[in-house]
Amino acid sequence: MADPASETFADRPESWPVLGSEDLHRDSWVVALRSDLMTRPNADGEAPFRRLVLEHPGAAVVLAIDEEDRVLCLAQYRHPAQHRLVELPAGVCDHPGRTRCRSRNASSRRRRRCRPRSGHRSSPPTARPATPASGSTTSWRAA
């Protein structure tokens, strides 16, 4: 057996056996909810279990810092919280057929997110990390 300490600690593709899926909610809106009946790999004889999967196309968030080290934040009403929350500019990657929040033109997507909501323009980014919000609650697939 390989020494776990010698392995690189990083996200990696993995898929567990799915015996069936049932849509619990799906319409033309941006998210869908489904129930998957699944088993663990190589777990012969174990009972299948259910996992709820919230499918979401992904989102882009912007951390905009100006020359004076101020961070651009917006106040947006969020109905589930019953509050107007202070947030970083963000938005859904809702382009048809896109399975990941990365595009060749991430810079113009970032500009589109900032300008209408804040009136600010952005400059080229210094870093563009891409990661799923939560592998346990979202459907995210690498391109």
C-alpha atoms as a PDB file:
ATOM      1  CA  MET A   1       0.000   0.000   0.000  1.00  0.00           C
ATOM      2  CA  ALA A   2       1.261   3.483  -0.886  1.00  0.00           C
ATOM      3  CA  ASP A   3       2.270   5.808   1.904  1.00  0.00           C
ATOM      4  CA  PRO A   4      -0.546   8.413   2.182  1.00  0.00           C
ATOM      5  CA  ALA A   5       1.945  11.046   3.327  1.00  0.00           C
ATOM      6  CA  SER A   6       3.849  10.688   0.040  1.00  0.00           C
ATOM      7  CA  GLU A   7       0.729  11.302  -2.099  1.00  0.00           C
ATOM      8  CA  THR A   8      -0.080  14.782  -3.311  1.00  0.00           C
ATOM      9  CA  PHE A   9      -2.975  16.253  -1.341  1.00  0.00           C
ATOM     10  CA  ALA A  10      -5.251  17.625  -4.080  1.00  0.00           C
ATOM     11  CA  ASP A  11      -8.694  17.314  -5.611  1.00  0.00           C
ATOM     12  CA  ARG A  12      -8.933  14.356  -7.976  1.00  0.00           C
ATOM     13  CA  PRO A  13     -11.678  12.853 -10.135  1.00  0.00           C
ATOM     14  CA  GLU A  14     -13.599   9.990  -8.536  1.00  0.00           C
ATOM     15  CA  SER A  15     -17.007   8.481  -9.149  1.00  0.00           C
ATOM     16  CA  TRP A  16     -18.981   6.096  -6.955  1.00  0.00           C
ATOM     17  CA  PRO A  17     -21.549   3.677  -8.432  1.00  0.00           C
ATOM     18  CA  VAL A  18     -24.999   5.250  -8.934  1.00  0.00           C
ATOM     19  CA  LEU A  19     -27.813   2.712  -9.131  1.00  0.00           C
ATOM     20  CA  GLY A  20     -30.465   5.256 -10.055  1.00  0.00           C
ATOM     21  CA  SER A  21     -31.439   8.921 -10.013  1.00  0.00           C
ATOM     22  CA  GLU A  22     -34.772  10.642  -9.483  1.00  0.00           C
ATOM     23  CA  ASP A  23     -35.472  14.297 -10.249  1.00  0.00           C
ATOM     24  CA  LEU A  24     -37.113  15.942  -7.249  1.00  0.00           C
ATOM     25  CA  HIS A  25     -37.263  19.378  -8.883  1.00  0.00           C
ATOM     26  CA  ARG A  26     -36.224  20.507 -12.360  1.00  0.00           C
ATOM     27  CA  ASP A  27     -37.524  23.411 -14.406  1.00  0.00           C
ATOM     28  CA  SER A  28     -36.107  26.276 -16.471  1.00  0.00           C
ATOM     29  CA  TRP A  29     -34.506  27.985 -13.456  1.00  0.00           C
ATOM     30  CA  VAL A  30     -30.781  27.746 -12.745  1.00  0.00           C
ATOM     31  CA  VAL A  31     -30.797  24.908 -10.173  1.00  0.00           C
ATOM     32  CA  ALA A  32     -32.247  21.402 -10.017  1.00  0.00           C
ATOM     33  CA  LEU A  33     -32.548  18.897  -7.162  1.00  0.00           C
ATOM     34  CA  ARG A  34     -32.210  15.158  -7.594  1.00  0.00           C
ATOM     35  CA  SER A  35     -31.905  12.065  -5.426  1.00  0.00           C
ATOM     36  CA  ASP A  36     -29.198   9.500  -6.274  1.00  0.00           C
ATOM     37  CA  LEU A  37     -29.248   5.921  -4.972  1.00  0.00           C
ATOM     38  CA  MET A  38     -25.632   4.799  -4.700  1.00  0.00           C
ATOM     39  CA  THR A  39     -23.120   2.438  -3.171  1.00  0.00           C
ATOM     40  CA  ARG A  40     -19.517   2.736  -2.068  1.00  0.00           C
ATOM     41  CA  PRO A  41     -16.924   1.290  -4.448  1.00  0.00           C
ATOM     42  CA  ASN A  42     -15.977  -2.304  -3.615  1.00  0.00           C
ATOM     43  CA  ALA A  43     -18.544  -2.460  -0.807  1.00  0.00           C
ATOM     44  CA  ASP A  44     -20.228  -5.721  -1.780  1.00  0.00           C
ATOM     45  CA  GLY A  45     -23.161  -6.582   0.430  1.00  0.00           C
ATOM     46  CA  GLU A  46     -23.618  -3.093   1.854  1.00  0.00           C
ATOM     47  CA  ALA A  47     -27.034  -1.516   1.499  1.00  0.00           C
ATOM     48  CA  PRO A  48     -27.336   1.321  -1.055  1.00  0.00           C
ATOM     49  CA  PHE A  49     -27.792   4.814   0.353  1.00  0.00           C
ATOM     50  CA  ARG A  50     -29.323   8.044  -0.899  1.00  0.00           C
ATOM     51  CA  ARG A  51     -27.605  11.367  -1.546  1.00  0.00           C
ATOM     52  CA  LEU A  52     -29.374  14.584  -2.495  1.00  0.00           C
ATOM     53  CA  VAL A  53     -27.628  16.498  -5.259  1.00  0.00           C
ATOM     54  CA  LEU A  54     -28.207  20.182  -5.937  1.00  0.00           C
ATOM     55  CA  GLU A  55     -27.161  20.779  -9.533  1.00  0.00           C
ATOM     56  CA  HIS A  56     -25.801  24.268 -10.161  1.00  0.00           C
ATOM     57  CA  PRO A  57     -23.837  25.545 -13.175  1.00  0.00           C
ATOM     58  CA  GLY A  58     -21.292  27.280 -10.935  1.00  0.00           C
ATOM     59  CA  ALA A  59     -20.641  30.909 -10.117  1.00  0.00           C
ATOM     60  CA  ALA A  60     -17.950  33.515 -10.490  1.00  0.00           C
ATOM     61  CA  VAL A  61     -16.945  35.766  -7.591  1.00  0.00           C
ATOM     62  CA  VAL A  62     -14.748  38.858  -7.789  1.00  0.00           C
ATOM     63  CA  LEU A  63     -12.393  40.138  -5.106  1.00  0.00           C
ATOM     64  CA  ALA A  64     -11.804  43.678  -6.365  1.00  0.00           C
ATOM     65  CA  ILE A  65      -9.150  45.657  -4.467  1.00  0.00           C
ATOM     66  CA  ASP A  66      -8.428  49.264  -5.391  1.00  0.00           C
ATOM     67  CA  GLU A  67      -5.189  51.243  -5.162  1.00  0.00           C
ATOM     68  CA  GLU A  68      -5.957  52.116  -1.523  1.00  0.00           C
ATOM     69  CA  ASP A  69      -6.460  48.407  -0.581  1.00  0.00           C
ATOM     70  CA  ARG A  70     -10.232  48.827  -0.267  1.00  0.00           C
ATOM     71  CA  VAL A  71     -12.409  45.840  -1.209  1.00  0.00           C
ATOM     72  CA  LEU A  72     -15.501  46.372  -3.367  1.00  0.00           C
ATOM     73  CA  CYS A  73     -18.614  44.968  -1.669  1.00  0.00           C
ATOM     74  CA  LEU A  74     -22.289  45.156  -2.545  1.00  0.00           C
ATOM     75  CA  ALA A  75     -25.433  44.980  -0.414  1.00  0.00           C
ATOM     76  CA  GLN A  76     -28.008  42.540  -1.828  1.00  0.00           C
ATOM     77  CA  TYR A  77     -31.322  41.378  -0.416  1.00  0.00           C
ATOM     78  CA  ARG A  78     -31.376  37.603   0.186  1.00  0.00           C
ATOM     79  CA  HIS A  79     -34.862  36.270   0.809  1.00  0.00           C
ATOM     80  CA  PRO A  80     -33.911  33.038   2.693  1.00  0.00           C
ATOM     81  CA  ALA A  81     -31.895  35.105   5.197  1.00  0.00           C
ATOM     82  CA  GLN A  82     -34.497  37.903   5.347  1.00  0.00           C
ATOM     83  CA  HIS A  83     -31.575  40.349   5.307  1.00  0.00           C
ATOM     84  CA  ARG A  84     -29.712  42.639   2.980  1.00  0.00           C
ATOM     85  CA  LEU A  85     -26.253  41.040   3.095  1.00  0.00           C
ATOM     86  CA  VAL A  86     -22.869  42.580   2.340  1.00  0.00           C
ATOM     87  CA  GLU A  87     -21.237  40.466  -0.393  1.00  0.00           C
ATOM     88  CA  LEU A  88     -18.492  40.364  -2.965  1.00  0.00           C
ATOM     89  CA  PRO A  89     -19.732  40.849  -6.552  1.00  0.00           C
ATOM     90  CA  ALA A  90     -20.703  37.445  -7.941  1.00  0.00           C
ATOM     91  CA  GLY A  91     -22.988  35.773 -10.410  1.00  0.00           C
ATOM     92  CA  VAL A  92     -24.037  32.491 -11.978  1.00  0.00           C
ATOM     93  CA  CYS A  93     -22.133  31.027 -14.931  1.00  0.00           C
ATOM     94  CA  ASP A  94     -25.298  30.564 -16.927  1.00  0.00           C
ATOM     95  CA  HIS A  95     -24.007  30.180 -20.460  1.00  0.00           C
ATOM     96  CA  PRO A  96     -25.697  27.201 -22.177  1.00  0.00           C
ATOM     97  CA  GLY A  97     -23.428  24.192 -22.475  1.00  0.00           C
ATOM     98  CA  ARG A  98     -20.730  25.561 -20.191  1.00  0.00           C
ATOM     99  CA  THR A  99     -19.909  23.082 -17.437  1.00  0.00           C
ATOM    100  CA  ARG A 100     -17.317  25.145 -15.643  1.00  0.00           C
ATOM    101  CA  CYS A 101     -16.878  28.725 -14.533  1.00  0.00           C
ATOM    102  CA  ARG A 102     -13.798  29.162 -16.604  1.00  0.00           C
ATOM    103  CA  SER A 103     -13.669  30.650 -20.028  1.00  0.00           C
ATOM    104  CA  ARG A 104     -10.992  32.070 -22.253  1.00  0.00           C
ATOM    105  CA  ASN A 105     -12.512  35.442 -21.550  1.00  0.00           C
ATOM    106  CA  ALA A 106     -12.703  35.416 -17.745  1.00  0.00           C
ATOM    107  CA  SER A 107     -11.570  39.029 -17.708  1.00  0.00           C
ATOM    108  CA  SER A 108     -14.628  40.286 -19.580  1.00  0.00           C
ATOM    109  CA  ARG A 109     -16.939  38.115 -17.422  1.00  0.00           C
ATOM    110  CA  ARG A 110     -15.414  39.720 -14.332  1.00  0.00           C
ATOM    111  CA  ARG A 111     -15.952  43.174 -15.830  1.00  0.00           C
ATOM    112  CA  ARG A 112     -19.588  42.311 -16.619  1.00  0.00           C
ATOM    113  CA  ARG A 113     -20.128  41.223 -12.989  1.00  0.00           C
ATOM    114  CA  CYS A 114     -18.666  44.415 -11.467  1.00  0.00           C
ATOM    115  CA  ARG A 115     -19.896  47.178 -13.736  1.00  0.00           C
ATOM    116  CA  PRO A 116     -23.706  46.778 -13.626  1.00  0.00           C
ATOM    117  CA  ARG A 117     -23.835  46.130  -9.893  1.00  0.00           C
ATOM    118  CA  SER A 118     -21.344  48.723  -8.693  1.00  0.00           C
ATOM    119  CA  GLY A 119     -20.520  51.143 -11.483  1.00  0.00           C
ATOM    120  CA  HIS A 120     -16.831  50.172 -11.141  1.00  0.00           C
ATOM    121  CA  ARG A 121     -14.557  48.841 -13.864  1.00  0.00           C
ATOM    122  CA  SER A 122     -11.959  46.154 -13.257  1.00  0.00           C
ATOM    123  CA  SER A 123      -8.411  45.690 -14.459  1.00  0.00           C
ATOM    124  CA  PRO A 124      -6.712  42.382 -15.363  1.00  0.00           C
ATOM    125  CA  PRO A 125      -6.699  39.835 -12.518  1.00  0.00           C
ATOM    126  CA  THR A 126      -3.632  38.736 -10.597  1.00  0.00           C
ATOM    127  CA  ALA A 127      -5.032  35.219  -9.997  1.00  0.00           C
ATOM    128  CA  ARG A 128      -7.981  33.159 -11.221  1.00  0.00           C
ATOM    129  CA  PRO A 129      -8.645  30.218  -8.924  1.00  0.00           C
ATOM    130  CA  ALA A 130     -11.475  27.870  -9.925  1.00  0.00           C
ATOM    131  CA  THR A 131     -13.039  25.490  -7.440  1.00  0.00           C
ATOM    132  CA  PRO A 132     -16.479  24.101  -6.730  1.00  0.00           C
ATOM    133  CA  ALA A 133     -18.403  25.786  -3.947  1.00  0.00           C
ATOM    134  CA  SER A 134     -18.937  22.450  -2.237  1.00  0.00           C
ATOM    135  CA  GLY A 135     -18.553  19.028  -3.768  1.00  0.00           C
ATOM    136  CA  SER A 136     -21.246  17.692  -1.461  1.00  0.00           C
ATOM    137  CA  THR A 137     -23.960  20.093  -2.536  1.00  0.00           C
ATOM    138  CA  THR A 138     -23.214  21.047  -6.111  1.00  0.00           C
ATOM    139  CA  SER A 139     -22.897  19.314  -9.414  1.00  0.00           C
ATOM    140  CA  TRP A 140     -19.572  20.522 -10.777  1.00  0.00           C
ATOM    141  CA  ARG A 141     -17.672  18.919 -13.582  1.00  0.00           C
ATOM    142  CA  ALA A 142     -14.253  19.790 -14.873  1.00  0.00           C
ATOM    143  CA  ALA A 143     -14.124  20.578 -18.558  1.00  0.00           C
END
